[in-house]
Amino acid sequence: MNAPPFADWAIAFLQLLYRAQIALARGLHAIGLTGDADGQAAWPWTHRIALETLRIDAGLTRQLAFACGVTALAVVLAGTALASRKRRVALAIAALAVAWFAPWPPASLWLAPAVPTSFQRDPAPFSVSNVMRGAHVYTQHCAACHGADGRGEGPLAATLAHWPPTFAGTLLARRLDGELFWRVRHGTQDEHGASTMPGFAATLGPQDTWAVLDYLKALAAGSGARAEGAWPVPVPLPALDVRCGDAAPQALERWREGQRVRVVALAADATPPQEDPRWQTLLVTERGTFVPPSAGARANCVATTADAWLAFATIAGVAPDALGGTQLLADRRGWLRARALPGSAGWSDADLLCRSDGVARPAAATTSGDALTALLLRVDQEPVRDVQAGLPH
């Protein structure tokens, strides 16, 4: 997902605004001033801070940050005035003057329409089972208009008054999850109030709706990988169960413990790759079949969750019957970052599909000239940041 370069402080400011609104919604709900919306705290106002607008307008972000800083100074001065006896009047006048001259931009520039679920997130983790559940729901209710590949070219698309949007680009990353959730459940309308998409609240429950959004993220990643050689939507390593040798299966999060993970789609009768100290290797087979021990230090940890093969094929943008030999790399925080297709000579910078928002920083030099080490160093230098409403990674 590419976006204009922003200073680190500006990104931190936008993330602070995002988290502050979440905390506000939850705080008001906790003290009983607001109700629920589909099982989570509801956003009570018709507008919110337009993070997606601020993300593409560095000047507006700076002005808003400065106005917030000036207003905070006015609050401090007012608080000091209340606590002071000797300088109360002077401090009060100073607080009023600072507040009066705070350079707030017009509200229409930094506020956007909101819905009750604007700041809600999927209560369940992004997982193989959720992606595949969403795939089933999408095929039943969405593919006829949005297309099997999510590009908005389904068999019924041409019959609609408004052509369906494509999920292959950055649309999903430029929207709050909670607002996408609301649109699926309650539909969308044009500027005249005419329906452009029906709502599915009577058909789909909240869990199915969140599952559809998880599948759309996986679908958008795969579609972008095929068309542009990049993931337009950052995708985490999906939660699943892992079995190593004869040991009992355990959750992926517990198994990886903050380590990098190399996902290897192991074709039938293929030999597992050698383990590598730079990561943990997760083998994915078509049916989660047991991988017998091999001579030498070869990988033997296998994804056992049903349909892991199909979920990774969707994310990688590779047909399931051609997935064998594909490899994916996840960073230490669990974000999928790179993909190597079957038959590739080796890892290179071109395999980095989840890239930084700004100008690429040069990877740290390596004495050996090892392209894989350089790629891993770049991944470490360009971490994925919080991803909502256009915040970069």
Protein backbone atom coordinates (compact mmCIF):
# COMPACT_ATOMS: atom_id res chain seq x y z
CA MET A 1 0.00 0.00 0.00
CA ASN A 2 1.81 3.14 -1.16
CA ALA A 3 1.06 6.60 0.25
CA PRO A 4 2.78 9.99 0.42
CA PRO A 5 5.74 10.04 2.83
CA PHE A 6 4.82 11.27 6.31
CA ALA A 7 7.07 12.19 9.20
CA ASP A 8 7.11 9.68 12.05
CA TRP A 9 5.55 12.21 14.42
CA ALA A 10 2.63 12.74 12.01
CA ILE A 11 1.99 9.00 11.80
CA ALA A 12 2.11 8.80 15.60
CA PHE A 13 -0.35 11.72 15.77
CA LEU A 14 -2.81 10.00 13.43
CA GLN A 15 -2.55 6.77 15.38
CA LEU A 16 -3.16 8.71 18.58
CA LEU A 17 -6.33 10.24 17.09
CA TYR A 18 -7.51 6.80 16.01
CA ARG A 19 -6.91 5.20 19.39
CA ALA A 20 -8.35 8.18 21.27
CA GLN A 21 -11.65 7.81 19.41
CA ILE A 22 -11.75 4.09 20.21
CA ALA A 23 -11.03 4.81 23.88
CA LEU A 24 -13.72 7.50 23.93
CA ALA A 25 -16.34 5.16 22.48
CA ARG A 26 -15.46 2.39 24.93
CA GLY A 27 -15.29 4.77 27.88
CA LEU A 28 -18.73 6.23 27.19
CA HIS A 29 -20.10 2.71 26.79
CA ALA A 30 -18.49 1.52 30.04
CA ILE A 31 -20.22 4.25 32.08
CA GLY A 32 -23.55 3.61 30.40
CA LEU A 33 -23.86 6.74 28.29
CA THR A 34 -23.98 4.86 24.96
CA GLY A 35 -25.41 1.57 23.82
CA ASP A 36 -24.29 -1.39 21.74
CA ALA A 37 -24.13 -1.85 17.99
CA ASP A 38 -23.89 -5.49 16.93
CA GLY A 39 -22.39 -6.49 20.26
CA GLN A 40 -19.74 -3.77 20.60
CA ALA A 41 -19.62 -0.20 21.87
CA ALA A 42 -21.41 2.17 19.49
CA TRP A 43 -19.95 5.43 18.22
CA PRO A 44 -22.56 7.99 19.32
CA TRP A 45 -21.92 10.84 16.89
CA THR A 46 -22.67 11.33 13.21
CA HIS A 47 -19.09 12.42 12.46
CA ARG A 48 -15.55 11.31 13.32
CA ILE A 49 -12.04 12.52 12.58
CA ALA A 50 -11.32 11.81 8.91
CA LEU A 51 -8.09 9.84 9.26
CA GLU A 52 -8.19 8.79 5.61
CA THR A 53 -8.23 12.46 4.54
CA LEU A 54 -5.51 13.51 6.95
CA ARG A 55 -3.38 10.60 5.73
CA ILE A 56 -3.13 12.05 2.23
CA ASP A 57 -2.85 15.73 3.24
CA ALA A 58 0.31 16.35 5.21
CA GLY A 59 -0.37 20.09 5.40
CA LEU A 60 -3.80 19.58 6.93
CA THR A 61 -2.35 17.06 9.39
CA ARG A 62 0.31 19.54 10.50
CA GLN A 63 -2.30 22.30 10.92
CA LEU A 64 -4.60 20.06 12.95
CA ALA A 65 -1.72 18.85 15.12
CA PHE A 66 -0.63 22.44 15.75
CA ALA A 67 -4.20 23.45 16.63
CA CYS A 68 -4.47 20.54 19.04
CA GLY A 69 -1.16 21.55 20.63
CA VAL A 70 -2.24 25.18 21.02
CA THR A 71 -5.58 24.13 22.49
CA ALA A 72 -3.82 21.80 24.91
CA LEU A 73 -1.65 24.75 25.98
CA ALA A 74 -4.80 26.79 26.58
CA VAL A 75 -6.21 24.01 28.76
CA VAL A 76 -2.98 23.87 30.77
CA LEU A 77 -3.05 27.63 31.26
CA ALA A 78 -6.70 27.48 32.35
CA GLY A 79 -5.94 24.70 34.82
CA THR A 80 -2.99 26.66 36.19
CA ALA A 81 -5.19 29.74 36.52
CA LEU A 82 -7.68 27.80 38.62
CA ALA A 83 -4.90 26.54 40.88
CA SER A 84 -3.13 29.89 41.16
CA ARG A 85 -4.04 32.79 43.41
CA LYS A 86 -1.61 35.51 42.46
CA ARG A 87 -1.73 35.20 38.66
CA ARG A 88 -5.24 33.84 38.17
CA VAL A 89 -6.54 36.72 36.07
CA ALA A 90 -3.44 36.97 33.88
CA LEU A 91 -3.35 33.22 33.28
CA ALA A 92 -7.07 33.11 32.53
CA ILE A 93 -6.71 35.90 29.97
CA ALA A 94 -3.74 34.12 28.42
CA ALA A 95 -5.71 30.86 28.22
CA LEU A 96 -8.62 32.60 26.48
CA ALA A 97 -6.27 34.36 24.05
CA VAL A 98 -4.43 31.15 23.18
CA ALA A 99 -7.71 29.28 22.72
CA TRP A 100 -9.15 32.09 20.58
CA PHE A 101 -6.18 32.13 18.21
CA ALA A 102 -5.81 28.34 17.91
CA PRO A 103 -5.54 27.79 14.12
CA TRP A 104 -8.25 25.17 13.72
CA PRO A 105 -8.92 24.27 10.07
CA PRO A 106 -12.55 24.18 8.90
CA ALA A 107 -14.32 21.17 10.42
CA SER A 108 -15.51 20.07 6.98
CA LEU A 109 -11.88 19.31 6.08
CA TRP A 110 -11.05 17.01 8.98
CA LEU A 111 -14.40 15.47 9.93
CA ALA A 112 -16.12 12.65 8.04
CA PRO A 113 -19.54 10.98 8.36
CA ALA A 114 -19.58 8.16 10.89
CA VAL A 115 -21.80 5.18 11.69
CA PRO A 116 -22.39 3.41 15.03
CA THR A 117 -19.84 0.70 14.16
CA SER A 118 -17.14 3.04 12.80
CA PHE A 119 -14.50 2.08 15.38
CA GLN A 120 -15.36 -1.57 15.81
CA ARG A 121 -12.88 -4.30 14.98
CA ASP A 122 -13.32 -8.01 14.38
CA PRO A 123 -13.38 -9.60 17.85
CA ALA A 124 -11.90 -12.80 16.40
CA PRO A 125 -8.34 -12.98 15.02
CA PHE A 126 -7.65 -13.11 11.30
CA SER A 127 -7.55 -16.88 10.78
CA VAL A 128 -7.66 -19.62 8.18
CA SER A 129 -11.07 -20.75 9.41
CA ASN A 130 -12.49 -17.21 9.25
CA VAL A 131 -11.07 -16.63 5.76
CA MET A 132 -12.62 -19.84 4.47
CA ARG A 133 -15.91 -19.16 6.23
CA GLY A 134 -15.91 -15.74 4.57
CA ALA A 135 -15.11 -17.34 1.20
CA HIS A 136 -18.24 -19.49 1.48
CA VAL A 137 -20.42 -16.50 2.40
CA TYR A 138 -18.88 -14.35 -0.34
CA THR A 139 -19.57 -17.01 -2.98
CA GLN A 140 -23.19 -17.25 -1.87
CA HIS A 141 -24.05 -13.57 -1.49
CA CYS A 142 -21.42 -11.32 -3.08
CA ALA A 143 -19.66 -12.92 -6.06
CA ALA A 144 -22.59 -12.45 -8.46
CA CYS A 145 -22.02 -8.68 -8.37
CA HIS A 146 -18.46 -8.22 -7.14
CA GLY A 147 -17.00 -11.13 -9.11
CA ALA A 148 -15.19 -14.24 -7.94
CA ASP A 149 -11.90 -12.29 -7.99
CA GLY A 150 -13.33 -9.23 -6.22
CA ARG A 151 -12.78 -6.87 -9.15
CA GLY A 152 -16.43 -5.83 -9.40
CA GLU A 153 -17.09 -7.64 -12.67
CA GLY A 154 -19.52 -10.34 -11.59
CA PRO A 155 -22.23 -11.67 -13.95
CA LEU A 156 -24.83 -9.25 -12.50
CA ALA A 157 -22.58 -6.18 -12.37
CA ALA A 158 -23.68 -4.80 -15.74
CA THR A 159 -27.34 -4.92 -14.70
CA LEU A 160 -26.81 -2.59 -11.72
CA ALA A 161 -27.33 1.18 -11.72
CA HIS A 162 -23.85 1.61 -10.19
CA TRP A 163 -20.92 -0.61 -11.05
CA PRO A 164 -19.65 -2.45 -7.95
CA PRO A 165 -16.30 -1.27 -6.54
CA THR A 166 -13.21 -3.38 -6.91
CA PHE A 167 -11.52 -4.90 -3.89
CA ALA A 168 -8.26 -5.44 -5.80
CA GLY A 169 -6.85 -2.01 -4.91
CA THR A 170 -6.47 -0.07 -1.68
CA LEU A 171 -10.21 0.38 -1.03
CA LEU A 172 -10.22 -1.92 1.99
CA ALA A 173 -7.11 -0.34 3.50
CA ARG A 174 -8.56 3.15 3.04
CA ARG A 175 -11.68 2.39 5.10
CA LEU A 176 -12.28 1.65 8.74
CA ASP A 177 -13.18 -2.01 9.31
CA GLY A 178 -16.24 -0.97 11.28
CA GLU A 179 -17.59 1.12 8.42
CA LEU A 180 -17.08 -1.69 5.92
CA PHE A 181 -18.92 -3.92 8.41
CA TRP A 182 -21.81 -1.43 8.52
CA ARG A 183 -22.04 -1.24 4.74
CA VAL A 184 -22.26 -5.01 4.38
CA ARG A 185 -24.97 -5.23 7.00
CA HIS A 186 -26.98 -2.13 6.10
CA GLY A 187 -26.18 -1.53 2.43
CA THR A 188 -25.09 1.63 0.66
CA GLN A 189 -26.90 4.53 -0.99
CA ASP A 190 -25.95 7.14 -3.57
CA GLU A 191 -26.12 10.91 -3.07
CA HIS A 192 -29.85 10.83 -3.83
CA GLY A 193 -30.60 8.15 -1.25
CA ALA A 194 -31.16 5.40 -3.81
CA SER A 195 -29.85 1.98 -2.82
CA THR A 196 -26.61 0.94 -4.54
CA MET A 197 -26.12 -2.26 -2.54
CA PRO A 198 -28.59 -4.14 -0.36
CA GLY A 199 -27.87 -4.78 3.30
CA PHE A 200 -27.44 -8.31 4.62
CA ALA A 201 -28.23 -7.81 8.31
CA ALA A 202 -31.28 -10.07 8.00
CA THR A 203 -29.23 -12.78 6.28
CA LEU A 204 -25.78 -12.64 7.87
CA GLY A 205 -24.90 -12.46 11.53
CA PRO A 206 -22.02 -10.33 12.83
CA GLN A 207 -19.58 -13.27 12.77
CA ASP A 208 -20.35 -14.05 9.13
CA THR A 209 -19.99 -10.37 8.25
CA TRP A 210 -16.56 -10.12 9.87
CA ALA A 211 -15.56 -13.36 8.15
CA VAL A 212 -16.47 -11.88 4.76
CA LEU A 213 -14.23 -8.88 5.48
CA ASP A 214 -11.38 -11.22 6.42
CA TYR A 215 -11.83 -13.07 3.14
CA LEU A 216 -11.91 -9.79 1.21
CA LYS A 217 -8.53 -8.82 2.71
CA ALA A 218 -7.08 -12.15 1.62
CA LEU A 219 -8.70 -11.84 -1.81
CA ALA A 220 -7.46 -8.26 -2.26
CA ALA A 221 -3.94 -9.33 -1.34
CA GLY A 222 -3.92 -12.14 -3.88
CA SER A 223 -5.47 -10.04 -6.62
CA GLY A 224 -2.96 -7.24 -6.04
CA ALA A 225 -0.07 -9.70 -6.01
CA ARG A 226 -1.11 -11.03 -9.41
CA ALA A 227 -1.79 -7.68 -11.03
CA GLU A 228 0.69 -5.30 -9.40
CA GLY A 229 3.27 -7.48 -7.68
CA ALA A 230 2.30 -5.97 -4.30
CA TRP A 231 -0.22 -6.53 -1.52
CA PRO A 232 -2.47 -3.46 -1.46
CA VAL A 233 -3.84 -4.56 1.92
CA PRO A 234 -1.43 -5.65 4.67
CA VAL A 235 -2.29 -9.21 5.69
CA PRO A 236 -1.23 -10.92 8.91
CA LEU A 237 -0.17 -14.52 9.11
CA PRO A 238 -3.55 -16.21 9.63
CA ALA A 239 -4.14 -18.02 12.89
CA LEU A 240 -4.08 -21.81 12.60
CA ASP A 241 -2.89 -24.94 14.40
CA VAL A 242 0.60 -26.37 13.92
CA ARG A 243 1.86 -29.89 14.56
CA CYS A 244 5.59 -30.64 14.71
CA GLY A 245 6.48 -34.30 14.21
CA ASP A 246 4.49 -36.50 16.57
CA ALA A 247 3.74 -33.71 19.07
CA ALA A 248 0.21 -32.49 19.75
CA PRO A 249 -1.02 -29.56 17.64
CA GLN A 250 -0.66 -26.09 19.12
CA ALA A 251 -1.74 -22.59 18.14
CA LEU A 252 0.47 -20.76 15.67
CA GLU A 253 0.93 -17.77 17.97
CA ARG A 254 2.31 -19.98 20.71
CA TRP A 255 4.47 -21.94 18.27
CA ARG A 256 6.18 -19.01 16.59
CA GLU A 257 6.72 -16.91 19.78
CA GLY A 258 7.70 -13.75 17.94
CA GLN A 259 9.98 -15.43 15.41
CA ARG A 260 9.96 -14.89 11.66
CA VAL A 261 8.02 -17.59 9.83
CA ARG A 262 8.66 -19.03 6.39
CA VAL A 263 5.51 -20.65 4.97
CA VAL A 264 6.28 -23.36 2.41
CA ALA A 265 3.50 -24.89 0.31
CA LEU A 266 4.78 -28.46 0.10
CA ALA A 267 3.60 -30.28 -3.01
CA ALA A 268 2.79 -33.98 -2.83
CA ASP A 269 5.94 -36.14 -2.68
CA ALA A 270 8.17 -33.06 -2.38
CA THR A 271 11.04 -33.12 0.10
CA PRO A 272 10.70 -30.69 3.03
CA PRO A 273 13.28 -27.87 2.94
CA GLN A 274 16.15 -27.54 5.36
CA GLU A 275 15.45 -25.54 8.49
CA ASP A 276 17.09 -22.12 8.75
CA PRO A 277 18.01 -20.33 12.00
CA ARG A 278 16.67 -17.04 10.60
CA TRP A 279 13.06 -18.24 10.85
CA GLN A 280 10.73 -21.06 11.74
CA THR A 281 9.42 -23.04 8.80
CA LEU A 282 5.72 -23.86 8.53
CA LEU A 283 4.81 -26.48 5.95
CA VAL A 284 1.39 -26.30 4.34
CA THR A 285 0.10 -29.39 2.59
CA GLU A 286 -3.11 -29.88 0.67
CA ARG A 287 -4.78 -31.84 3.45
CA GLY A 288 -2.61 -31.04 6.44
CA THR A 289 -1.03 -34.45 6.07
CA PHE A 290 1.73 -35.65 8.34
CA VAL A 291 5.26 -35.07 7.02
CA PRO A 292 7.49 -38.03 7.94
CA PRO A 293 10.92 -37.26 9.39
CA SER A 294 13.67 -36.79 6.80
CA ALA A 295 17.38 -37.19 7.03
CA GLY A 296 19.13 -34.05 8.22
CA ALA A 297 17.66 -30.93 9.82
CA ARG A 298 14.57 -30.68 7.65
CA ALA A 299 11.36 -28.88 8.54
CA ASN A 300 8.57 -31.04 9.94
CA CYS A 301 6.04 -28.55 11.38
CA VAL A 302 2.77 -28.71 9.43
CA ALA A 303 -0.38 -26.57 9.43
CA THR A 304 -3.21 -28.88 10.52
CA THR A 305 -6.16 -26.48 10.24
CA ALA A 306 -8.51 -27.52 7.45
CA ASP A 307 -8.22 -25.56 4.19
CA ALA A 308 -4.95 -23.82 5.11
CA TRP A 309 -3.78 -24.64 1.57
CA LEU A 310 -6.73 -22.76 0.04
CA ALA A 311 -6.35 -19.77 2.38
CA PHE A 312 -2.66 -19.32 1.55
CA ALA A 313 -3.38 -19.76 -2.16
CA THR A 314 -5.88 -16.90 -1.92
CA ILE A 315 -3.41 -14.63 -0.13
CA ALA A 316 -0.52 -15.51 -2.43
CA GLY A 317 -2.57 -14.93 -5.57
CA VAL A 318 -1.76 -18.40 -6.89
CA ALA A 319 -4.21 -21.03 -8.12
CA PRO A 320 -4.57 -23.84 -5.55
CA ASP A 321 -3.40 -26.49 -8.00
CA ALA A 322 -0.22 -24.45 -8.70
CA LEU A 323 0.56 -23.45 -5.10
CA GLY A 324 3.13 -26.20 -4.47
CA GLY A 325 6.58 -24.67 -4.08
CA THR A 326 5.31 -21.18 -3.21
CA GLN A 327 6.91 -19.58 -0.15
CA LEU A 328 5.78 -16.68 2.03
CA LEU A 329 7.74 -14.78 4.68
CA ALA A 330 6.21 -13.28 7.82
CA ASP A 331 8.06 -10.80 9.99
CA ARG A 332 8.54 -11.03 13.75
CA ARG A 333 5.23 -9.28 14.42
CA GLY A 334 3.31 -11.73 12.27
CA TRP A 335 2.74 -9.67 9.11
CA LEU A 336 3.19 -11.40 5.76
CA ARG A 337 5.79 -9.45 3.84
CA ALA A 338 7.26 -11.39 0.91
CA ARG A 339 6.41 -14.13 -1.57
CA ALA A 340 8.61 -16.39 -3.71
CA LEU A 341 6.87 -18.20 -6.53
CA PRO A 342 7.60 -21.80 -7.50
CA GLY A 343 10.76 -22.16 -9.57
CA SER A 344 12.29 -18.83 -8.48
CA ALA A 345 16.07 -18.79 -8.25
CA GLY A 346 16.07 -17.32 -4.75
CA TRP A 347 14.77 -14.49 -2.62
CA SER A 348 15.29 -10.93 -3.84
CA ASP A 349 14.06 -7.41 -3.11
CA ALA A 350 11.40 -7.86 -5.81
CA ASP A 351 9.74 -10.51 -3.63
CA LEU A 352 8.82 -7.88 -1.00
CA LEU A 353 5.07 -7.52 -1.58
CA CYS A 354 4.21 -5.58 1.59
CA ARG A 355 6.32 -2.45 1.28
CA SER A 356 6.94 0.74 3.16
CA ASP A 357 4.83 3.80 2.39
CA GLY A 358 7.71 6.14 1.64
CA VAL A 359 10.87 6.07 -0.39
CA ALA A 360 12.54 2.75 0.22
CA ARG A 361 15.42 2.94 2.60
CA PRO A 362 18.54 1.17 1.39
CA ALA A 363 18.97 -2.18 3.03
CA ALA A 364 21.90 -2.54 5.37
CA ALA A 365 25.00 -3.71 3.61
CA THR A 366 25.98 -7.34 3.99
CA THR A 367 29.49 -8.61 3.67
CA SER A 368 28.36 -11.71 1.83
CA GLY A 369 26.06 -9.96 -0.61
CA ASP A 370 23.31 -12.41 0.41
CA ALA A 371 20.05 -11.17 -1.14
CA LEU A 372 17.91 -12.98 1.43
CA THR A 373 19.73 -11.40 4.35
CA ALA A 374 19.35 -7.99 2.71
CA LEU A 375 15.63 -8.64 2.26
CA LEU A 376 15.21 -9.62 5.91
CA LEU A 377 17.10 -6.52 7.02
CA ARG A 378 14.81 -4.34 4.92
CA VAL A 379 11.75 -6.02 6.43
CA ASP A 380 13.11 -5.24 9.89
CA GLN A 381 13.83 -1.62 8.90
CA GLU A 382 10.33 -1.06 7.48
CA PRO A 383 7.87 -2.48 10.02
CA VAL A 384 4.16 -2.66 9.38
CA ARG A 385 2.37 0.05 11.32
CA ASP A 386 -1.20 0.13 12.55
CA VAL A 387 -3.38 -0.23 9.47
CA GLN A 388 -6.74 1.52 9.50
CA ALA A 389 -8.21 4.22 7.28
CA GLY A 390 -5.08 4.77 5.26
CA LEU A 391 -2.47 4.61 8.00
CA PRO A 392 0.62 3.31 6.26
CA HIS A 393 2.84 0.27 6.67
